[in-house]
PDB file of N, CA and C in Angstrom:
ATOM      1  N   MET A   1      53.760 -17.211  12.685  1.00  0.00           N
ATOM      2  CA  MET A   1      54.403 -16.915  11.678  1.00  0.00           C
ATOM      3  C   MET A   1      54.451 -14.991  11.408  1.00  0.00           C
ATOM      4  N   SER A   2      55.879 -14.739  10.516  1.00  0.00           N
ATOM      5  CA  SER A   2      55.979 -13.316  10.653  1.00  0.00           C
ATOM      6  C   SER A   2      55.502 -12.994   9.627  1.00  0.00           C
ATOM      7  N   ASP A   3      55.320 -11.778   9.444  1.00  0.00           N
ATOM      8  CA  ASP A   3      55.073 -10.983   7.386  1.00  0.00           C
ATOM      9  C   ASP A   3      56.058 -11.749   6.538  1.00  0.00           C
ATOM     10  N   GLU A   4      57.509 -11.454   7.082  1.00  0.00           N
ATOM     11  CA  GLU A   4      59.145 -11.765   6.139  1.00  0.00           C
ATOM     12  C   GLU A   4      58.799 -13.142   5.968  1.00  0.00           C
ATOM     13  N   THR A   5      58.464 -14.460   6.770  1.00  0.00           N
ATOM     14  CA  THR A   5      58.001 -15.461   6.550  1.00  0.00           C
ATOM     15  C   THR A   5      56.999 -15.908   5.627  1.00  0.00           C
ATOM     16  N   LEU A   6      55.821 -15.321   5.906  1.00  0.00           N
ATOM     17  CA  LEU A   6      54.558 -15.674   5.022  1.00  0.00           C
ATOM     18  C   LEU A   6      54.959 -14.897   4.004  1.00  0.00           C
ATOM     19  N   GLU A   7      55.559 -13.959   3.815  1.00  0.00           N
ATOM     20  CA  GLU A   7      56.115 -13.375   2.183  1.00  0.00           C
ATOM     21  C   GLU A   7      57.110 -14.891   1.695  1.00  0.00           C
ATOM     22  N   SER A   8      58.063 -15.011   2.355  1.00  0.00           N
ATOM     23  CA  SER A   8      58.676 -15.972   1.631  1.00  0.00           C
ATOM     24  C   SER A   8      58.026 -17.229   1.296  1.00  0.00           C
ATOM     25  N   THR A   9      57.038 -17.572   2.275  1.00  0.00           N
ATOM     26  CA  THR A   9      56.185 -18.736   1.702  1.00  0.00           C
ATOM     27  C   THR A   9      55.902 -18.611   0.326  1.00  0.00           C
ATOM     28  N   VAL A  10      54.680 -17.416   0.515  1.00  0.00           N
ATOM     29  CA  VAL A  10      53.747 -17.147  -0.504  1.00  0.00           C
ATOM     30  C   VAL A  10      54.687 -17.137  -1.862  1.00  0.00           C
ATOM     31  N   LEU A  11      55.779 -16.226  -1.838  1.00  0.00           N
ATOM     32  CA  LEU A  11      57.149 -16.771  -3.068  1.00  0.00           C
ATOM     33  C   LEU A  11      57.302 -18.015  -3.441  1.00  0.00           C
ATOM     34  N   ARG A  12      57.716 -18.962  -2.288  1.00  0.00           N
ATOM     35  CA  ARG A  12      58.016 -20.045  -2.800  1.00  0.00           C
ATOM     36  C   ARG A  12      56.974 -21.042  -3.555  1.00  0.00           C
ATOM     37  N   VAL A  13      55.892 -20.866  -2.974  1.00  0.00           N
ATOM     38  CA  VAL A  13      54.697 -21.548  -3.529  1.00  0.00           C
ATOM     39  C   VAL A  13      54.493 -21.212  -4.666  1.00  0.00           C
ATOM     40  N   LEU A  14      54.597 -19.551  -5.085  1.00  0.00           N
ATOM     41  CA  LEU A  14      54.608 -18.946  -6.819  1.00  0.00           C
ATOM     42  C   LEU A  14      55.504 -19.517  -7.937  1.00  0.00           C
ATOM     43  N   GLY A  15      56.465 -19.890  -6.875  1.00  0.00           N
ATOM     44  CA  GLY A  15      57.503 -20.676  -7.803  1.00  0.00           C
ATOM     45  C   GLY A  15      57.252 -21.834  -8.112  1.00  0.00           C
ATOM     46  N   GLU A  16      56.675 -22.704  -7.255  1.00  0.00           N
ATOM     47  CA  GLU A  16      56.175 -24.091  -7.507  1.00  0.00           C
ATOM     48  C   GLU A  16      55.048 -23.725  -8.757  1.00  0.00           C
ATOM     49  N   VAL A  17      54.028 -23.017  -8.190  1.00  0.00           N
ATOM     50  CA  VAL A  17      53.036 -22.761  -9.132  1.00  0.00           C
ATOM     51  C   VAL A  17      53.178 -22.374 -10.649  1.00  0.00           C
ATOM     52  N   ALA A  18      54.476 -21.360 -11.021  1.00  0.00           N
ATOM     53  CA  ALA A  18      54.724 -20.770 -11.709  1.00  0.00           C
ATOM     54  C   ALA A  18      56.847 -20.887 -11.956  1.00  0.00           C
ATOM     55  N   PRO A  19      57.110 -21.970 -12.187  1.00  0.00           N
ATOM     56  CA  PRO A  19      58.502 -22.505 -12.167  1.00  0.00           C
ATOM     57  C   PRO A  19      59.189 -21.002 -12.997  1.00  0.00           C
ATOM     58  N   GLU A  20      58.799 -20.787 -14.223  1.00  0.00           N
ATOM     59  CA  GLU A  20      59.486 -19.933 -15.408  1.00  0.00           C
ATOM     60  C   GLU A  20      59.485 -18.394 -14.655  1.00  0.00           C
ATOM     61  N   VAL A  21      58.925 -18.158 -13.049  1.00  0.00           N
ATOM     62  CA  VAL A  21      58.678 -16.374 -13.035  1.00  0.00           C
ATOM     63  C   VAL A  21      60.003 -16.608 -11.936  1.00  0.00           C
ATOM     64  N   ASP A  22      60.583 -15.183 -12.234  1.00  0.00           N
ATOM     65  CA  ASP A  22      61.711 -14.814 -11.468  1.00  0.00           C
ATOM     66  C   ASP A  22      60.592 -13.957 -10.414  1.00  0.00           C
ATOM     67  N   THR A  23      60.712 -14.866  -9.137  1.00  0.00           N
ATOM     68  CA  THR A  23      60.153 -14.177  -7.741  1.00  0.00           C
ATOM     69  C   THR A  23      60.759 -12.958  -7.411  1.00  0.00           C
ATOM     70  N   ALA A  24      62.005 -13.009  -7.614  1.00  0.00           N
ATOM     71  CA  ALA A  24      62.517 -11.974  -6.466  1.00  0.00           C
ATOM     72  C   ALA A  24      62.158 -10.537  -7.740  1.00  0.00           C
ATOM     73  N   ASN A  25      61.709 -10.836  -9.350  1.00  0.00           N
ATOM     74  CA  ASN A  25      61.145  -9.543  -9.466  1.00  0.00           C
ATOM     75  C   ASN A  25      59.350  -9.702  -9.888  1.00  0.00           C
ATOM     76  N   VAL A  26      58.910  -9.656  -8.356  1.00  0.00           N
ATOM     77  CA  VAL A  26      57.759  -9.801  -8.631  1.00  0.00           C
ATOM     78  C   VAL A  26      57.170  -8.566  -8.198  1.00  0.00           C
ATOM     79  N   ASP A  27      56.315  -7.841  -8.818  1.00  0.00           N
ATOM     80  CA  ASP A  27      55.629  -6.036  -7.848  1.00  0.00           C
ATOM     81  C   ASP A  27      54.556  -6.987  -6.675  1.00  0.00           C
ATOM     82  N   PRO A  28      54.767  -6.866  -5.545  1.00  0.00           N
ATOM     83  CA  PRO A  28      53.781  -7.127  -4.531  1.00  0.00           C
ATOM     84  C   PRO A  28      52.672  -6.809  -4.214  1.00  0.00           C
ATOM     85  N   VAL A  29      52.196  -5.942  -5.326  1.00  0.00           N
ATOM     86  CA  VAL A  29      50.981  -5.034  -5.064  1.00  0.00           C
ATOM     87  C   VAL A  29      50.640  -5.421  -6.721  1.00  0.00           C
ATOM     88  N   GLU A  30      50.706  -5.731  -7.470  1.00  0.00           N
ATOM     89  CA  GLU A  30      50.380  -5.871  -8.776  1.00  0.00           C
ATOM     90  C   GLU A  30      49.575  -7.392  -8.583  1.00  0.00           C
ATOM     91  N   ASP A  31      48.744  -7.474  -9.338  1.00  0.00           N
ATOM     92  CA  ASP A  31      47.679  -8.618  -9.701  1.00  0.00           C
ATOM     93  C   ASP A  31      48.888  -9.395 -10.506  1.00  0.00           C
ATOM     94  N   LEU A  32      49.077 -10.551  -9.702  1.00  0.00           N
ATOM     95  CA  LEU A  32      49.590 -12.168 -10.351  1.00  0.00           C
ATOM     96  C   LEU A  32      49.152 -12.393 -11.794  1.00  0.00           C
ATOM     97  N   ARG A  33      47.802 -12.043 -11.787  1.00  0.00           N
ATOM     98  CA  ARG A  33      47.073 -12.689 -13.050  1.00  0.00           C
ATOM     99  C   ARG A  33      47.989 -11.976 -14.358  1.00  0.00           C
ATOM    100  N   ASP A  34      47.976 -10.609 -13.825  1.00  0.00           N
ATOM    101  CA  ASP A  34      48.049  -9.428 -15.297  1.00  0.00           C
ATOM    102  C   ASP A  34      49.856  -9.521 -15.496  1.00  0.00           C
ATOM    103  N   GLN A  35      50.254  -9.376 -14.313  1.00  0.00           N
ATOM    104  CA  GLN A  35      51.934  -9.024 -13.829  1.00  0.00           C
ATOM    105  C   GLN A  35      52.432 -10.705 -14.933  1.00  0.00           C
ATOM    106  N   LEU A  36      52.041 -11.960 -14.422  1.00  0.00           N
ATOM    107  CA  LEU A  36      52.421 -13.147 -15.004  1.00  0.00           C
ATOM    108  C   LEU A  36      51.796 -13.972 -15.509  1.00  0.00           C
ATOM    109  N   ASP A  37      50.686 -13.562 -16.120  1.00  0.00           N
ATOM    110  CA  ASP A  37      49.691 -13.576 -17.271  1.00  0.00           C
ATOM    111  C   ASP A  37      49.141 -15.286 -16.460  1.00  0.00           C
ATOM    112  N   LEU A  38      49.018 -15.231 -15.123  1.00  0.00           N
ATOM    113  CA  LEU A  38      48.300 -16.658 -14.704  1.00  0.00           C
ATOM    114  C   LEU A  38      47.334 -16.782 -14.711  1.00  0.00           C
ATOM    115  N   ASP A  39      46.496 -18.039 -14.883  1.00  0.00           N
ATOM    116  CA  ASP A  39      45.071 -18.126 -15.016  1.00  0.00           C
ATOM    117  C   ASP A  39      44.548 -18.815 -13.586  1.00  0.00           C
ATOM    118  N   SER A  40      42.841 -18.964 -13.800  1.00  0.00           N
ATOM    119  CA  SER A  40      42.355 -19.491 -12.532  1.00  0.00           C
ATOM    120  C   SER A  40      43.155 -20.643 -11.957  1.00  0.00           C
ATOM    121  N   MET A  41      43.284 -21.557 -12.857  1.00  0.00           N
ATOM    122  CA  MET A  41      44.166 -22.966 -12.391  1.00  0.00           C
ATOM    123  C   MET A  41      45.383 -22.623 -11.738  1.00  0.00           C
ATOM    124  N   ASP A  42      46.059 -21.879 -12.074  1.00  0.00           N
ATOM    125  CA  ASP A  42      47.504 -21.328 -11.219  1.00  0.00           C
ATOM    126  C   ASP A  42      46.975 -20.614  -9.850  1.00  0.00           C
ATOM    127  N   ILE A  43      45.656 -20.136  -9.878  1.00  0.00           N
ATOM    128  CA  ILE A  43      45.707 -19.074  -8.655  1.00  0.00           C
ATOM    129  C   ILE A  43      44.453 -20.530  -7.760  1.00  0.00           C
ATOM    130  N   LEU A  44      44.274 -21.230  -8.281  1.00  0.00           N
ATOM    131  CA  LEU A  44      43.686 -22.927  -7.679  1.00  0.00           C
ATOM    132  C   LEU A  44      45.134 -23.356  -7.255  1.00  0.00           C
ATOM    133  N   ASN A  45      45.868 -23.145  -8.059  1.00  0.00           N
ATOM    134  CA  ASN A  45      47.041 -24.250  -7.476  1.00  0.00           C
ATOM    135  C   ASN A  45      47.569 -23.595  -6.161  1.00  0.00           C
ATOM    136  N   MET A  46      48.230 -21.850  -6.548  1.00  0.00           N
ATOM    137  CA  MET A  46      48.666 -21.345  -5.884  1.00  0.00           C
ATOM    138  C   MET A  46      47.529 -21.182  -3.932  1.00  0.00           C
ATOM    139  N   ALA A  47      46.562 -21.507  -4.188  1.00  0.00           N
ATOM    140  CA  ALA A  47      45.415 -21.714  -2.695  1.00  0.00           C
ATOM    141  C   ALA A  47      46.076 -23.007  -1.889  1.00  0.00           C
ATOM    142  N   ILE A  48      45.832 -24.205  -2.980  1.00  0.00           N
ATOM    143  CA  ILE A  48      46.075 -25.616  -2.501  1.00  0.00           C
ATOM    144  C   ILE A  48      47.642 -25.626  -1.685  1.00  0.00           C
ATOM    145  N   GLY A  49      49.008 -24.921  -2.693  1.00  0.00           N
ATOM    146  CA  GLY A  49      49.972 -24.879  -2.117  1.00  0.00           C
ATOM    147  C   GLY A  49      50.235 -23.708  -0.578  1.00  0.00           C
ATOM    148  N   LEU A  50      49.443 -23.017  -0.980  1.00  0.00           N
ATOM    149  CA  LEU A  50      49.305 -22.374   0.406  1.00  0.00           C
ATOM    150  C   LEU A  50      48.614 -22.980   1.576  1.00  0.00           C
ATOM    151  N   PHE A  51      47.896 -23.574   1.559  1.00  0.00           N
ATOM    152  CA  PHE A  51      47.484 -24.413   2.529  1.00  0.00           C
ATOM    153  C   PHE A  51      48.358 -25.408   3.042  1.00  0.00           C
ATOM    154  N   GLU A  52      48.742 -26.387   1.806  1.00  0.00           N
ATOM    155  CA  GLU A  52      50.166 -27.339   2.009  1.00  0.00           C
ATOM    156  C   GLU A  52      50.986 -26.538   3.016  1.00  0.00           C
ATOM    157  N   ALA A  53      51.635 -25.460   2.692  1.00  0.00           N
ATOM    158  CA  ALA A  53      52.682 -24.550   3.574  1.00  0.00           C
ATOM    159  C   ALA A  53      52.159 -24.075   4.879  1.00  0.00           C
ATOM    160  N   THR A  54      51.197 -23.833   4.870  1.00  0.00           N
ATOM    161  CA  THR A  54      50.253 -23.252   6.472  1.00  0.00           C
ATOM    162  C   THR A  54      49.512 -23.946   7.122  1.00  0.00           C
ATOM    163  N   GLY A  55      48.651 -24.499   6.424  1.00  0.00           N
ATOM    164  CA  GLY A  55      47.687 -25.491   6.813  1.00  0.00           C
ATOM    165  C   GLY A  55      46.141 -23.949   7.098  1.00  0.00           C
ATOM    166  N   VAL A  56      46.596 -23.364   6.308  1.00  0.00           N
ATOM    167  CA  VAL A  56      45.199 -22.404   5.847  1.00  0.00           C
ATOM    168  C   VAL A  56      44.506 -22.584   4.459  1.00  0.00           C
ATOM    169  N   GLU A  57      43.537 -22.913   5.025  1.00  0.00           N
ATOM    170  CA  GLU A  57      42.534 -23.503   3.792  1.00  0.00           C
ATOM    171  C   GLU A  57      41.553 -21.792   3.302  1.00  0.00           C
ATOM    172  N   VAL A  58      42.037 -21.809   1.755  1.00  0.00           N
ATOM    173  CA  VAL A  58      41.147 -20.756   1.010  1.00  0.00           C
ATOM    174  C   VAL A  58      40.348 -20.751   0.419  1.00  0.00           C
ATOM    175  N   PRO A  59      39.109 -20.417   0.627  1.00  0.00           N
ATOM    176  CA  PRO A  59      37.716 -21.310  -0.198  1.00  0.00           C
ATOM    177  C   PRO A  59      37.874 -20.099  -1.177  1.00  0.00           C
ATOM    178  N   GLU A  60      37.551 -21.000  -2.190  1.00  0.00           N
ATOM    179  CA  GLU A  60      37.520 -20.037  -3.602  1.00  0.00           C
ATOM    180  C   GLU A  60      36.504 -18.340  -3.578  1.00  0.00           C
ATOM    181  N   SER A  61      35.891 -18.602  -2.720  1.00  0.00           N
ATOM    182  CA  SER A  61      35.080 -16.985  -2.652  1.00  0.00           C
ATOM    183  C   SER A  61      36.394 -15.939  -1.894  1.00  0.00           C
ATOM    184  N   ASP A  62      37.449 -16.759  -1.635  1.00  0.00           N
ATOM    185  CA  ASP A  62      38.833 -15.656  -0.701  1.00  0.00           C
ATOM    186  C   ASP A  62      39.618 -15.439  -1.978  1.00  0.00           C
ATOM    187  N   TYR A  63      39.652 -16.007  -2.919  1.00  0.00           N
ATOM    188  CA  TYR A  63      40.716 -16.276  -4.131  1.00  0.00           C
ATOM    189  C   TYR A  63      41.058 -14.577  -4.407  1.00  0.00           C
ATOM    190  N   PRO A  64      40.510 -13.827  -4.878  1.00  0.00           N
ATOM    191  CA  PRO A  64      40.572 -12.521  -4.848  1.00  0.00           C
ATOM    192  C   PRO A  64      41.602 -11.715  -4.210  1.00  0.00           C
ATOM    193  N   ARG A  65      41.433 -12.204  -2.803  1.00  0.00           N
ATOM    194  CA  ARG A  65      42.278 -11.809  -1.750  1.00  0.00           C
ATOM    195  C   ARG A  65      44.043 -12.095  -1.849  1.00  0.00           C
ATOM    196  N   ILE A  66      44.205 -12.977  -2.798  1.00  0.00           N
ATOM    197  CA  ILE A  66      45.562 -14.017  -2.559  1.00  0.00           C
ATOM    198  C   ILE A  66      46.149 -13.809  -4.174  1.00  0.00           C
ATOM    199  N   VAL A  67      45.421 -12.609  -4.573  1.00  0.00           N
ATOM    200  CA  VAL A  67      46.187 -12.610  -5.877  1.00  0.00           C
ATOM    201  C   VAL A  67      47.455 -11.484  -5.837  1.00  0.00           C
ATOM    202  N   THR A  68      47.501 -10.865  -5.198  1.00  0.00           N
ATOM    203  CA  THR A  68      48.520 -10.340  -5.133  1.00  0.00           C
ATOM    204  C   THR A  68      49.747 -10.651  -4.033  1.00  0.00           C
ATOM    205  N   ILE A  69      50.762 -10.674  -4.009  1.00  0.00           N
ATOM    206  CA  ILE A  69      51.954 -11.473  -2.905  1.00  0.00           C
ATOM    207  C   ILE A  69      51.555 -10.669  -1.653  1.00  0.00           C
ATOM    208  N   SER A  70      51.379  -9.399  -1.370  1.00  0.00           N
ATOM    209  CA  SER A  70      50.694  -8.599  -0.344  1.00  0.00           C
ATOM    210  C   SER A  70      49.712  -9.027   0.000  1.00  0.00           C
ATOM    211  N   GLY A  71      48.426  -9.046  -0.478  1.00  0.00           N
ATOM    212  CA  GLY A  71      47.646  -9.518  -0.203  1.00  0.00           C
ATOM    213  C   GLY A  71      47.463 -10.990   0.213  1.00  0.00           C
ATOM    214  N   ALA A  72      48.186 -11.871  -0.363  1.00  0.00           N
ATOM    215  CA  ALA A  72      48.220 -13.157   0.008  1.00  0.00           C
ATOM    216  C   ALA A  72      49.116 -13.204   1.904  1.00  0.00           C
ATOM    217  N   VAL A  73      49.956 -12.545   1.980  1.00  0.00           N
ATOM    218  CA  VAL A  73      50.655 -12.120   3.178  1.00  0.00           C
ATOM    219  C   VAL A  73      49.810 -11.899   4.069  1.00  0.00           C
ATOM    220  N   ASP A  74      48.499 -10.735   3.640  1.00  0.00           N
ATOM    221  CA  ASP A  74      47.701 -10.230   4.929  1.00  0.00           C
ATOM    222  C   ASP A  74      46.979 -11.097   4.759  1.00  0.00           C
ATOM    223  N   TYR A  75      46.227 -11.823   4.286  1.00  0.00           N
ATOM    224  CA  TYR A  75      44.999 -12.693   4.014  1.00  0.00           C
ATOM    225  C   TYR A  75      45.547 -13.807   4.993  1.00  0.00           C
ATOM    226  N   LEU A  76      46.646 -14.678   4.879  1.00  0.00           N
ATOM    227  CA  LEU A  76      47.312 -15.427   5.758  1.00  0.00           C
ATOM    228  C   LEU A  76      47.663 -15.102   7.526  1.00  0.00           C
ATOM    229  N   ALA A  77      48.197 -13.711   7.288  1.00  0.00           N
ATOM    230  CA  ALA A  77      48.498 -13.435   8.505  1.00  0.00           C
ATOM    231  C   ALA A  77      47.248 -13.211   9.460  1.00  0.00           C
ATOM    232  N   GLU A  78      46.155 -12.854   8.596  1.00  0.00           N
ATOM    233  CA  GLU A  78      44.544 -12.408   9.578  1.00  0.00           C
ATOM    234  C   GLU A  78      44.479 -14.181   9.578  1.00  0.00           C
ATOM    235  N   ARG A  79      44.478 -15.061   8.933  1.00  0.00           N
ATOM    236  CA  ARG A  79      43.993 -16.230   9.215  1.00  0.00           C
ATOM    237  C   ARG A  79      44.031 -16.766  10.373  1.00  0.00           C
ATOM    238  N   MET A  80      45.650 -16.668  10.428  1.00  0.00           N
ATOM    239  CA  MET A  80      46.655 -17.220  11.444  1.00  0.00           C
ATOM    240  C   MET A  80      46.638 -16.906  12.540  1.00  0.00           C
ATOM    241  N   ALA A  81      46.247 -15.573  12.662  1.00  0.00           N
ATOM    242  CA  ALA A  81      45.809 -14.540  13.985  1.00  0.00           C
ATOM    243  C   ALA A  81      44.787 -15.701  14.719  1.00  0.00           C
TER     244      ALA A  81
END
């Protein structure tokens, strides 16, 4: 998957986890927990959604790597390579 496709996937999953969020205005390098007031359950749901969308399992120890859009894209690209 290309980085653009992965970013689109991450934003779609984020939209499913936090439907009130305008994903077009999310800063890709800012922590989603601070930027959007997401909590640990939201991050868990992001990990589940990313697994369902890509087949990449995100263990709890790697959650800090998926708390930004760019971090999640990089993580998924690395794991899919």
